[in-house]
Amino acid sequence: SVKKLVLYRDITLSGDNIILSCVTDVSFISVITRSGKELYRIGTKLIKSPYGLCATSDCVYVTDLCTHSVLKFSLSGELIARVGRRGKNPGKFNLPYGLTVDRTGIVY
């Protein structure tokens, strides 16, 4: 039996210690336990090219290279917001890679 190699671009911890993994060869975020068991997926059919990833205790943010945007999901998988598009003006991005969120919820 041949298993498909899955590559992860970014891994982060949520407030409840569940690992959120941004998968490279498919377009979703895989929520897995510390032992590697997949619990569920976030963003299926909503993310085109996931890259950067960060999480807070109640949501997860991911950059999408294809749409030049940042998406915010609840930990249950509901899309809360999508911001940005390609460009150089405020509110626009060119291939957003990494991101982080501070304690007040501001995304950098």
PDB file of N, CA and C in Angstrom:
ATOM      1  N   SER A   1       0.836  -1.170   0.000  1.00  0.00           N
ATOM      2  CA  SER A   1       0.000   0.000   0.000  1.00  0.00           C
ATOM      3  C   SER A   1       0.889   1.245   0.000  1.00  0.00           C
ATOM      4  N   VAL A   2       0.528   2.219  -0.835  1.00  0.00           N
ATOM      5  CA  VAL A   2       1.287   3.463  -0.940  1.00  0.00           C
ATOM      6  C   VAL A   2       0.504   4.565  -0.240  1.00  0.00           C
ATOM      7  N   LYS A   3       1.185   5.261   0.678  1.00  0.00           N
ATOM      8  CA  LYS A   3       0.540   6.365   1.372  1.00  0.00           C
ATOM      9  C   LYS A   3       0.975   7.673   0.744  1.00  0.00           C
ATOM     10  N   LYS A   4       0.061   8.614   0.663  1.00  0.00           N
ATOM     11  CA  LYS A   4       0.358   9.923   0.123  1.00  0.00           C
ATOM     12  C   LYS A   4       1.080  10.741   1.177  1.00  0.00           C
ATOM     13  N   LEU A   5       2.179  11.377   0.797  1.00  0.00           N
ATOM     14  CA  LEU A   5       2.923  12.236   1.703  1.00  0.00           C
ATOM     15  C   LEU A   5       2.196  13.565   1.833  1.00  0.00           C
ATOM     16  N   VAL A   6       1.875  13.954   3.046  1.00  0.00           N
ATOM     17  CA  VAL A   6       1.209  15.219   3.304  1.00  0.00           C
ATOM     18  C   VAL A   6       2.242  16.186   3.856  1.00  0.00           C
ATOM     19  N   LEU A   7       2.324  17.352   3.242  1.00  0.00           N
ATOM     20  CA  LEU A   7       3.260  18.373   3.675  1.00  0.00           C
ATOM     21  C   LEU A   7       2.505  19.487   4.387  1.00  0.00           C
ATOM     22  N   TYR A   8       3.073  19.950   5.485  1.00  0.00           N
ATOM     23  CA  TYR A   8       2.456  21.023   6.247  1.00  0.00           C
ATOM     24  C   TYR A   8       3.290  22.283   6.097  1.00  0.00           C
ATOM     25  N   ARG A   9       2.660  23.409   5.880  1.00  0.00           N
ATOM     26  CA  ARG A   9       3.376  24.677   5.753  1.00  0.00           C
ATOM     27  C   ARG A   9       3.536  25.367   7.085  1.00  0.00           C
ATOM     28  N   ASP A  10       2.565  25.276   7.954  1.00  0.00           N
ATOM     29  CA  ASP A  10       2.630  25.998   9.222  1.00  0.00           C
ATOM     30  C   ASP A  10       1.839  25.241  10.273  1.00  0.00           C
ATOM     31  N   ILE A  11       2.322  25.279  11.481  1.00  0.00           N
ATOM     32  CA  ILE A  11       1.659  24.596  12.587  1.00  0.00           C
ATOM     33  C   ILE A  11       1.612  25.554  13.762  1.00  0.00           C
ATOM     34  N   THR A  12       0.490  25.602  14.460  1.00  0.00           N
ATOM     35  CA  THR A  12       0.334  26.458  15.626  1.00  0.00           C
ATOM     36  C   THR A  12      -0.549  25.758  16.648  1.00  0.00           C
ATOM     37  N   LEU A  13      -0.541  26.266  17.843  1.00  0.00           N
ATOM     38  CA  LEU A  13      -1.380  25.710  18.907  1.00  0.00           C
ATOM     39  C   LEU A  13      -2.534  26.647  19.186  1.00  0.00           C
ATOM     40  N   SER A  14      -3.704  26.088  19.439  1.00  0.00           N
ATOM     41  CA  SER A  14      -4.829  26.908  19.874  1.00  0.00           C
ATOM     42  C   SER A  14      -4.806  26.973  21.386  1.00  0.00           C
ATOM     43  N   GLY A  15      -5.666  27.778  21.952  1.00  0.00           N
ATOM     44  CA  GLY A  15      -5.697  27.932  23.397  1.00  0.00           C
ATOM     45  C   GLY A  15      -5.971  26.644  24.141  1.00  0.00           C
ATOM     46  N   ASP A  16      -6.648  25.708  23.509  1.00  0.00           N
ATOM     47  CA  ASP A  16      -6.949  24.438  24.173  1.00  0.00           C
ATOM     48  C   ASP A  16      -6.004  23.323  23.745  1.00  0.00           C
ATOM     49  N   ASN A  17      -4.832  23.698  23.252  1.00  0.00           N
ATOM     50  CA  ASN A  17      -3.742  22.781  22.911  1.00  0.00           C
ATOM     51  C   ASN A  17      -4.019  21.848  21.743  1.00  0.00           C
ATOM     52  N   ILE A  18      -4.996  22.154  20.909  1.00  0.00           N
ATOM     53  CA  ILE A  18      -5.189  21.378  19.690  1.00  0.00           C
ATOM     54  C   ILE A  18      -4.278  21.971  18.631  1.00  0.00           C
ATOM     55  N   ILE A  19      -3.584  21.141  17.886  1.00  0.00           N
ATOM     56  CA  ILE A  19      -2.683  21.625  16.851  1.00  0.00           C
ATOM     57  C   ILE A  19      -3.483  21.888  15.577  1.00  0.00           C
ATOM     58  N   LEU A  20      -3.266  23.061  14.969  1.00  0.00           N
ATOM     59  CA  LEU A  20      -3.932  23.422  13.723  1.00  0.00           C
ATOM     60  C   LEU A  20      -2.880  23.419  12.631  1.00  0.00           C
ATOM     61  N   SER A  21      -3.047  22.635  11.612  1.00  0.00           N
ATOM     62  CA  SER A  21      -2.025  22.492  10.584  1.00  0.00           C
ATOM     63  C   SER A  21      -2.526  22.980   9.238  1.00  0.00           C
ATOM     64  N   CYS A  22      -1.751  23.824   8.614  1.00  0.00           N
ATOM     65  CA  CYS A  22      -2.075  24.349   7.299  1.00  0.00           C
ATOM     66  C   CYS A  22      -1.447  23.432   6.262  1.00  0.00           C
ATOM     67  N   VAL A  23      -2.252  22.733   5.495  1.00  0.00           N
ATOM     68  CA  VAL A  23      -1.768  21.693   4.601  1.00  0.00           C
ATOM     69  C   VAL A  23      -1.437  22.273   3.224  1.00  0.00           C
ATOM     70  N   THR A  24      -0.307  21.867   2.651  1.00  0.00           N
ATOM     71  CA  THR A  24       0.158  22.452   1.386  1.00  0.00           C
ATOM     72  C   THR A  24      -0.517  21.899   0.148  1.00  0.00           C
ATOM     73  N   ASP A  25      -0.741  20.615   0.085  1.00  0.00           N
ATOM     74  CA  ASP A  25      -1.192  20.032  -1.177  1.00  0.00           C
ATOM     75  C   ASP A  25      -2.706  19.980  -1.317  1.00  0.00           C
ATOM     76  N   VAL A  26      -3.404  20.477  -0.347  1.00  0.00           N
ATOM     77  CA  VAL A  26      -4.860  20.563  -0.392  1.00  0.00           C
ATOM     78  C   VAL A  26      -5.268  21.902   0.196  1.00  0.00           C
ATOM     79  N   SER A  27      -6.486  22.285   0.014  1.00  0.00           N
ATOM     80  CA  SER A  27      -6.909  23.630   0.418  1.00  0.00           C
ATOM     81  C   SER A  27      -7.823  23.617   1.632  1.00  0.00           C
ATOM     82  N   PHE A  28      -7.279  23.283   2.772  1.00  0.00           N
ATOM     83  CA  PHE A  28      -8.003  23.366   4.033  1.00  0.00           C
ATOM     84  C   PHE A  28      -7.006  23.357   5.174  1.00  0.00           C
ATOM     85  N   ILE A  29      -7.499  23.604   6.369  1.00  0.00           N
ATOM     86  CA  ILE A  29      -6.698  23.507   7.581  1.00  0.00           C
ATOM     87  C   ILE A  29      -7.123  22.235   8.286  1.00  0.00           C
ATOM     88  N   SER A  30      -6.167  21.447   8.698  1.00  0.00           N
ATOM     89  CA  SER A  30      -6.447  20.201   9.397  1.00  0.00           C
ATOM     90  C   SER A  30      -6.266  20.427  10.888  1.00  0.00           C
ATOM     91  N   VAL A  31      -7.299  20.146  11.662  1.00  0.00           N
ATOM     92  CA  VAL A  31      -7.224  20.252  13.111  1.00  0.00           C
ATOM     93  C   VAL A  31      -6.931  18.867  13.659  1.00  0.00           C
ATOM     94  N   ILE A  32      -5.771  18.754  14.308  1.00  0.00           N
ATOM     95  CA  ILE A  32      -5.329  17.442  14.770  1.00  0.00           C
ATOM     96  C   ILE A  32      -4.971  17.490  16.254  1.00  0.00           C
ATOM     97  N   THR A  33      -4.975  16.329  16.870  1.00  0.00           N
ATOM     98  CA  THR A  33      -4.559  16.217  18.258  1.00  0.00           C
ATOM     99  C   THR A  33      -3.043  16.164  18.319  1.00  0.00           C
ATOM    100  N   ARG A  34      -2.497  16.264  19.512  1.00  0.00           N
ATOM    101  CA  ARG A  34      -1.046  16.160  19.683  1.00  0.00           C
ATOM    102  C   ARG A  34      -0.514  14.796  19.241  1.00  0.00           C
ATOM    103  N   SER A  35      -1.356  13.781  19.278  1.00  0.00           N
ATOM    104  CA  SER A  35      -0.928  12.447  18.846  1.00  0.00           C
ATOM    105  C   SER A  35      -1.063  12.250  17.340  1.00  0.00           C
ATOM    106  N   GLY A  36      -1.606  13.253  16.622  1.00  0.00           N
ATOM    107  CA  GLY A  36      -1.685  13.179  15.174  1.00  0.00           C
ATOM    108  C   GLY A  36      -3.008  12.748  14.591  1.00  0.00           C
ATOM    109  N   LYS A  37      -4.012  12.524  15.424  1.00  0.00           N
ATOM    110  CA  LYS A  37      -5.326  12.130  14.924  1.00  0.00           C
ATOM    111  C   LYS A  37      -6.067  13.360  14.410  1.00  0.00           C
ATOM    112  N   GLU A  38      -6.525  13.292  13.155  1.00  0.00           N
ATOM    113  CA  GLU A  38      -7.293  14.404  12.611  1.00  0.00           C
ATOM    114  C   GLU A  38      -8.685  14.420  13.220  1.00  0.00           C
ATOM    115  N   LEU A  39      -9.064  15.588  13.750  1.00  0.00           N
ATOM    116  CA  LEU A  39     -10.384  15.749  14.344  1.00  0.00           C
ATOM    117  C   LEU A  39     -11.399  16.247  13.321  1.00  0.00           C
ATOM    118  N   TYR A  40     -11.036  17.301  12.593  1.00  0.00           N
ATOM    119  CA  TYR A  40     -11.905  17.851  11.554  1.00  0.00           C
ATOM    120  C   TYR A  40     -11.108  18.825  10.699  1.00  0.00           C
ATOM    121  N   ARG A  41     -11.750  19.341   9.653  1.00  0.00           N
ATOM    122  CA  ARG A  41     -11.107  20.269   8.731  1.00  0.00           C
ATOM    123  C   ARG A  41     -11.840  21.602   8.731  1.00  0.00           C
ATOM    124  N   ILE A  42     -11.075  22.661   8.514  1.00  0.00           N
ATOM    125  CA  ILE A  42     -11.622  24.015   8.447  1.00  0.00           C
ATOM    126  C   ILE A  42     -11.304  24.587   7.071  1.00  0.00           C
ATOM    127  N   GLY A  43     -12.264  25.286   6.487  1.00  0.00           N
ATOM    128  CA  GLY A  43     -12.019  26.031   5.258  1.00  0.00           C
ATOM    129  C   GLY A  43     -12.074  25.243   3.972  1.00  0.00           C
ATOM    130  N   THR A  44     -12.572  24.028   4.011  1.00  0.00           N
ATOM    131  CA  THR A  44     -12.686  23.235   2.795  1.00  0.00           C
ATOM    132  C   THR A  44     -13.501  24.025   1.768  1.00  0.00           C
ATOM    133  N   LYS A  45     -12.987  24.197   0.580  1.00  0.00           N
ATOM    134  CA  LYS A  45     -13.589  24.932  -0.538  1.00  0.00           C
ATOM    135  C   LYS A  45     -13.600  26.449  -0.328  1.00  0.00           C
ATOM    136  N   LEU A  46     -13.063  26.952   0.786  1.00  0.00           N
ATOM    137  CA  LEU A  46     -13.003  28.393   1.034  1.00  0.00           C
ATOM    138  C   LEU A  46     -11.592  28.945   0.914  1.00  0.00           C
ATOM    139  N   ILE A  47     -10.588  28.076   1.094  1.00  0.00           N
ATOM    140  CA  ILE A  47      -9.189  28.475   1.018  1.00  0.00           C
ATOM    141  C   ILE A  47      -8.605  27.904  -0.269  1.00  0.00           C
ATOM    142  N   LYS A  48      -7.924  28.738  -1.048  1.00  0.00           N
ATOM    143  CA  LYS A  48      -7.342  28.252  -2.306  1.00  0.00           C
ATOM    144  C   LYS A  48      -5.889  27.831  -2.149  1.00  0.00           C
ATOM    145  N   SER A  49      -5.090  28.614  -1.403  1.00  0.00           N
ATOM    146  CA  SER A  49      -3.673  28.299  -1.229  1.00  0.00           C
ATOM    147  C   SER A  49      -3.220  28.735   0.169  1.00  0.00           C
ATOM    148  N   PRO A  50      -3.529  27.919   1.190  1.00  0.00           N
ATOM    149  CA  PRO A  50      -3.199  28.297   2.568  1.00  0.00           C
ATOM    150  C   PRO A  50      -1.702  28.371   2.801  1.00  0.00           C
ATOM    151  N   TYR A  51      -1.294  29.335   3.630  1.00  0.00           N
ATOM    152  CA  TYR A  51       0.134  29.449   3.927  1.00  0.00           C
ATOM    153  C   TYR A  51       0.357  29.764   5.398  1.00  0.00           C
ATOM    154  N   GLY A  52       0.344  31.028   5.780  1.00  0.00           N
ATOM    155  CA  GLY A  52       0.581  31.386   7.182  1.00  0.00           C
ATOM    156  C   GLY A  52      -0.607  31.063   8.057  1.00  0.00           C
ATOM    157  N   LEU A  53      -0.329  30.773   9.314  1.00  0.00           N
ATOM    158  CA  LEU A  53      -1.376  30.308  10.216  1.00  0.00           C
ATOM    159  C   LEU A  53      -1.094  30.777  11.632  1.00  0.00           C
ATOM    160  N   CYS A  54      -2.119  31.231  12.325  1.00  0.00           N
ATOM    161  CA  CYS A  54      -2.004  31.489  13.765  1.00  0.00           C
ATOM    162  C   CYS A  54      -3.378  31.300  14.389  1.00  0.00           C
ATOM    163  N   ALA A  55      -3.393  31.054  15.691  1.00  0.00           N
ATOM    164  CA  ALA A  55      -4.645  30.783  16.379  1.00  0.00           C
ATOM    165  C   ALA A  55      -4.692  31.511  17.701  1.00  0.00           C
ATOM    166  N   THR A  56      -5.910  31.820  18.133  1.00  0.00           N
ATOM    167  CA  THR A  56      -6.158  32.340  19.471  1.00  0.00           C
ATOM    168  C   THR A  56      -6.985  31.279  20.194  1.00  0.00           C
ATOM    169  N   SER A  57      -7.492  31.608  21.352  1.00  0.00           N
ATOM    170  CA  SER A  57      -8.278  30.616  22.094  1.00  0.00           C
ATOM    171  C   SER A  57      -9.637  30.347  21.451  1.00  0.00           C
ATOM    172  N   ASP A  58     -10.085  31.224  20.534  1.00  0.00           N
ATOM    173  CA  ASP A  58     -11.407  31.026  19.946  1.00  0.00           C
ATOM    174  C   ASP A  58     -11.472  31.099  18.419  1.00  0.00           C
ATOM    175  N   CYS A  59     -10.353  31.369  17.754  1.00  0.00           N
ATOM    176  CA  CYS A  59     -10.397  31.415  16.289  1.00  0.00           C
ATOM    177  C   CYS A  59      -9.031  31.127  15.686  1.00  0.00           C
ATOM    178  N   VAL A  60      -9.042  30.940  14.372  1.00  0.00           N
ATOM    179  CA  VAL A  60      -7.810  30.672  13.629  1.00  0.00           C
ATOM    180  C   VAL A  60      -7.776  31.592  12.412  1.00  0.00           C
ATOM    181  N   TYR A  61      -6.583  32.115  12.120  1.00  0.00           N
ATOM    182  CA  TYR A  61      -6.360  32.992  10.980  1.00  0.00           C
ATOM    183  C   TYR A  61      -5.436  32.276  10.012  1.00  0.00           C
ATOM    184  N   VAL A  62      -5.686  32.451   8.708  1.00  0.00           N
ATOM    185  CA  VAL A  62      -4.835  31.844   7.693  1.00  0.00           C
ATOM    186  C   VAL A  62      -4.664  32.810   6.532  1.00  0.00           C
ATOM    187  N   THR A  63      -3.442  32.879   5.989  1.00  0.00           N
ATOM    188  CA  THR A  63      -3.232  33.671   4.785  1.00  0.00           C
ATOM    189  C   THR A  63      -3.473  32.784   3.575  1.00  0.00           C
ATOM    190  N   ASP A  64      -4.040  33.371   2.539  1.00  0.00           N
ATOM    191  CA  ASP A  64      -4.315  32.658   1.299  1.00  0.00           C
ATOM    192  C   ASP A  64      -3.517  33.336   0.191  1.00  0.00           C
ATOM    193  N   LEU A  65      -2.477  32.650  -0.294  1.00  0.00           N
ATOM    194  CA  LEU A  65      -1.604  33.236  -1.303  1.00  0.00           C
ATOM    195  C   LEU A  65      -2.320  33.485  -2.622  1.00  0.00           C
ATOM    196  N   CYS A  66      -3.225  32.624  -2.986  1.00  0.00           N
ATOM    197  CA  CYS A  66      -3.905  32.735  -4.276  1.00  0.00           C
ATOM    198  C   CYS A  66      -4.851  33.936  -4.323  1.00  0.00           C
ATOM    199  N   THR A  67      -5.572  34.183  -3.246  1.00  0.00           N
ATOM    200  CA  THR A  67      -6.537  35.289  -3.220  1.00  0.00           C
ATOM    201  C   THR A  67      -5.960  36.543  -2.567  1.00  0.00           C
ATOM    202  N   HIS A  68      -4.695  36.475  -2.097  1.00  0.00           N
ATOM    203  CA  HIS A  68      -4.020  37.625  -1.468  1.00  0.00           C
ATOM    204  C   HIS A  68      -4.847  38.151  -0.303  1.00  0.00           C
ATOM    205  N   SER A  69      -5.343  37.242   0.531  1.00  0.00           N
ATOM    206  CA  SER A  69      -6.229  37.638   1.620  1.00  0.00           C
ATOM    207  C   SER A  69      -5.897  36.912   2.915  1.00  0.00           C
ATOM    208  N   VAL A  70      -6.519  37.378   3.996  1.00  0.00           N
ATOM    209  CA  VAL A  70      -6.438  36.737   5.305  1.00  0.00           C
ATOM    210  C   VAL A  70      -7.850  36.327   5.682  1.00  0.00           C
ATOM    211  N   LEU A  71      -8.003  35.080   6.094  1.00  0.00           N
ATOM    212  CA  LEU A  71      -9.311  34.569   6.494  1.00  0.00           C
ATOM    213  C   LEU A  71      -9.310  34.289   7.990  1.00  0.00           C
ATOM    214  N   LYS A  72     -10.436  34.551   8.624  1.00  0.00           N
ATOM    215  CA  LYS A  72     -10.617  34.283  10.047  1.00  0.00           C
ATOM    216  C   LYS A  72     -11.754  33.280  10.190  1.00  0.00           C
ATOM    217  N   PHE A  73     -11.460  32.179  10.895  1.00  0.00           N
ATOM    218  CA  PHE A  73     -12.449  31.131  11.137  1.00  0.00           C
ATOM    219  C   PHE A  73     -12.648  30.935  12.631  1.00  0.00           C
ATOM    220  N   SER A  74     -13.855  30.553  13.031  1.00  0.00           N
ATOM    221  CA  SER A  74     -14.063  30.086  14.399  1.00  0.00           C
ATOM    222  C   SER A  74     -13.393  28.728  14.503  1.00  0.00           C
ATOM    223  N   LEU A  75     -13.113  28.273  15.714  1.00  0.00           N
ATOM    224  CA  LEU A  75     -12.489  26.953  15.869  1.00  0.00           C
ATOM    225  C   LEU A  75     -13.417  25.826  15.440  1.00  0.00           C
ATOM    226  N   SER A  76     -14.713  26.119  15.322  1.00  0.00           N
ATOM    227  CA  SER A  76     -15.636  25.101  14.821  1.00  0.00           C
ATOM    228  C   SER A  76     -15.670  25.073  13.292  1.00  0.00           C
ATOM    229  N   GLY A  77     -14.984  26.044  12.637  1.00  0.00           N
ATOM    230  CA  GLY A  77     -14.868  26.016  11.189  1.00  0.00           C
ATOM    231  C   GLY A  77     -15.687  27.044  10.436  1.00  0.00           C
ATOM    232  N   GLU A  78     -16.434  27.883  11.126  1.00  0.00           N
ATOM    233  CA  GLU A  78     -17.256  28.900  10.465  1.00  0.00           C
ATOM    234  C   GLU A  78     -16.382  30.068  10.002  1.00  0.00           C
ATOM    235  N   LEU A  79     -16.553  30.478   8.745  1.00  0.00           N
ATOM    236  CA  LEU A  79     -15.837  31.645   8.241  1.00  0.00           C
ATOM    237  C   LEU A  79     -16.421  32.892   8.888  1.00  0.00           C
ATOM    238  N   ILE A  80     -15.571  33.649   9.587  1.00  0.00           N
ATOM    239  CA  ILE A  80     -16.002  34.868  10.263  1.00  0.00           C
ATOM    240  C   ILE A  80     -15.719  36.086   9.398  1.00  0.00           C
ATOM    241  N   ALA A  81     -14.547  36.126   8.771  1.00  0.00           N
ATOM    242  CA  ALA A  81     -14.179  37.284   7.963  1.00  0.00           C
ATOM    243  C   ALA A  81     -13.124  36.915   6.931  1.00  0.00           C
ATOM    244  N   ARG A  82     -13.119  37.670   5.840  1.00  0.00           N
ATOM    245  CA  ARG A  82     -12.076  37.586   4.813  1.00  0.00           C
ATOM    246  C   ARG A  82     -11.708  39.020   4.491  1.00  0.00           C
ATOM    247  N   VAL A  83     -10.424  39.358   4.623  1.00  0.00           N
ATOM    248  CA  VAL A  83      -9.975  40.715   4.326  1.00  0.00           C
ATOM    249  C   VAL A  83      -8.832  40.676   3.324  1.00  0.00           C
ATOM    250  N   GLY A  84      -8.762  41.742   2.533  1.00  0.00           N
ATOM    251  CA  GLY A  84      -7.664  41.901   1.601  1.00  0.00           C
ATOM    252  C   GLY A  84      -7.944  41.369   0.223  1.00  0.00           C
ATOM    253  N   ARG A  85      -7.131  41.864  -0.696  1.00  0.00           N
ATOM    254  CA  ARG A  85      -7.056  41.392  -2.069  1.00  0.00           C
ATOM    255  C   ARG A  85      -5.735  41.890  -2.615  1.00  0.00           C
ATOM    256  N   ARG A  86      -5.398  41.544  -3.829  1.00  0.00           N
ATOM    257  CA  ARG A  86      -4.093  41.901  -4.380  1.00  0.00           C
ATOM    258  C   ARG A  86      -3.962  43.414  -4.568  1.00  0.00           C
ATOM    259  N   GLY A  87      -2.827  43.944  -4.121  1.00  0.00           N
ATOM    260  CA  GLY A  87      -2.570  45.359  -4.314  1.00  0.00           C
ATOM    261  C   GLY A  87      -1.551  45.883  -3.327  1.00  0.00           C
ATOM    262  N   LYS A  88      -1.238  47.175  -3.453  1.00  0.00           N
ATOM    263  CA  LYS A  88      -0.241  47.801  -2.594  1.00  0.00           C
ATOM    264  C   LYS A  88      -0.838  48.837  -1.648  1.00  0.00           C
ATOM    265  N   ASN A  89      -2.092  49.159  -1.798  1.00  0.00           N
ATOM    266  CA  ASN A  89      -2.741  50.155  -0.952  1.00  0.00           C
ATOM    267  C   ASN A  89      -3.172  49.544   0.375  1.00  0.00           C
ATOM    268  N   PRO A  90      -3.521  50.388   1.357  1.00  0.00           N
ATOM    269  CA  PRO A  90      -3.990  49.858   2.642  1.00  0.00           C
ATOM    270  C   PRO A  90      -5.140  48.865   2.456  1.00  0.00           C
ATOM    271  N   GLY A  91      -5.059  47.780   3.190  1.00  0.00           N
ATOM    272  CA  GLY A  91      -6.080  46.736   3.104  1.00  0.00           C
ATOM    273  C   GLY A  91      -5.861  45.739   1.984  1.00  0.00           C
ATOM    274  N   LYS A  92      -4.766  45.897   1.240  1.00  0.00           N
ATOM    275  CA  LYS A  92      -4.450  44.977   0.152  1.00  0.00           C
ATOM    276  C   LYS A  92      -3.120  44.289   0.445  1.00  0.00           C
ATOM    277  N   PHE A  93      -2.937  43.117  -0.139  1.00  0.00           N
ATOM    278  CA  PHE A  93      -1.731  42.315   0.093  1.00  0.00           C
ATOM    279  C   PHE A  93      -1.157  41.811  -1.217  1.00  0.00           C
ATOM    280  N   ASN A  94       0.128  41.520  -1.199  1.00  0.00           N
ATOM    281  CA  ASN A  94       0.788  40.805  -2.283  1.00  0.00           C
ATOM    282  C   ASN A  94       1.412  39.553  -1.686  1.00  0.00           C
ATOM    283  N   LEU A  95       0.788  38.425  -1.927  1.00  0.00           N
ATOM    284  CA  LEU A  95       1.248  37.138  -1.420  1.00  0.00           C
ATOM    285  C   LEU A  95       1.510  37.162   0.085  1.00  0.00           C
ATOM    286  N   PRO A  96       0.478  37.309   0.890  1.00  0.00           N
ATOM    287  CA  PRO A  96       0.671  37.342   2.345  1.00  0.00           C
ATOM    288  C   PRO A  96       1.136  35.986   2.873  1.00  0.00           C
ATOM    289  N   TYR A  97       2.275  35.975   3.533  1.00  0.00           N
ATOM    290  CA  TYR A  97       2.842  34.728   4.052  1.00  0.00           C
ATOM    291  C   TYR A  97       2.522  34.560   5.531  1.00  0.00           C
ATOM    292  N   GLY A  98       3.281  35.205   6.383  1.00  0.00           N
ATOM    293  CA  GLY A  98       3.117  35.013   7.814  1.00  0.00           C
ATOM    294  C   GLY A  98       2.183  36.037   8.425  1.00  0.00           C
ATOM    295  N   LEU A  99       1.690  35.720   9.598  1.00  0.00           N
ATOM    296  CA  LEU A  99       0.861  36.635  10.352  1.00  0.00           C
ATOM    297  C   LEU A  99       0.889  36.240  11.816  1.00  0.00           C
ATOM    298  N   THR A 100       0.498  37.170  12.656  1.00  0.00           N
ATOM    299  CA  THR A 100       0.352  36.899  14.082  1.00  0.00           C
ATOM    300  C   THR A 100      -0.769  37.783  14.614  1.00  0.00           C
ATOM    301  N   VAL A 101      -1.298  37.422  15.758  1.00  0.00           N
ATOM    302  CA  VAL A 101      -2.369  38.180  16.389  1.00  0.00           C
ATOM    303  C   VAL A 101      -1.925  38.520  17.802  1.00  0.00           C
ATOM    304  N   ASP A 102      -2.086  39.786  18.203  1.00  0.00           N
ATOM    305  CA  ASP A 102      -1.719  40.148  19.565  1.00  0.00           C
ATOM    306  C   ASP A 102      -2.858  39.866  20.532  1.00  0.00           C
ATOM    307  N   ARG A 103      -2.644  40.132  21.807  1.00  0.00           N
ATOM    308  CA  ARG A 103      -3.636  39.813  22.847  1.00  0.00           C
ATOM    309  C   ARG A 103      -4.952  40.554  22.678  1.00  0.00           C
ATOM    310  N   THR A 104      -4.919  41.701  21.989  1.00  0.00           N
ATOM    311  CA  THR A 104      -6.146  42.472  21.789  1.00  0.00           C
ATOM    312  C   THR A 104      -6.882  42.090  20.519  1.00  0.00           C
ATOM    313  N   GLY A 105      -6.327  41.177  19.729  1.00  0.00           N
ATOM    314  CA  GLY A 105      -6.976  40.713  18.515  1.00  0.00           C
ATOM    315  C   GLY A 105      -6.544  41.419  17.255  1.00  0.00           C
ATOM    316  N   ILE A 106      -5.526  42.270  17.332  1.00  0.00           N
ATOM    317  CA  ILE A 106      -5.029  42.944  16.138  1.00  0.00           C
ATOM    318  C   ILE A 106      -4.114  41.981  15.369  1.00  0.00           C
ATOM    319  N   VAL A 107      -4.368  41.867  14.063  1.00  0.00           N
ATOM    320  CA  VAL A 107      -3.610  40.958  13.201  1.00  0.00           C
ATOM    321  C   VAL A 107      -2.467  41.728  12.557  1.00  0.00           C
ATOM    322  N   TYR A 108      -1.257  41.165  12.584  1.00  0.00           N
ATOM    323  CA  TYR A 108      -0.084  41.750  11.952  1.00  0.00           C
ATOM    324  C   TYR A 108       0.449  40.812  10.896  1.00  0.00           C
TER     325      TYR A 108
END
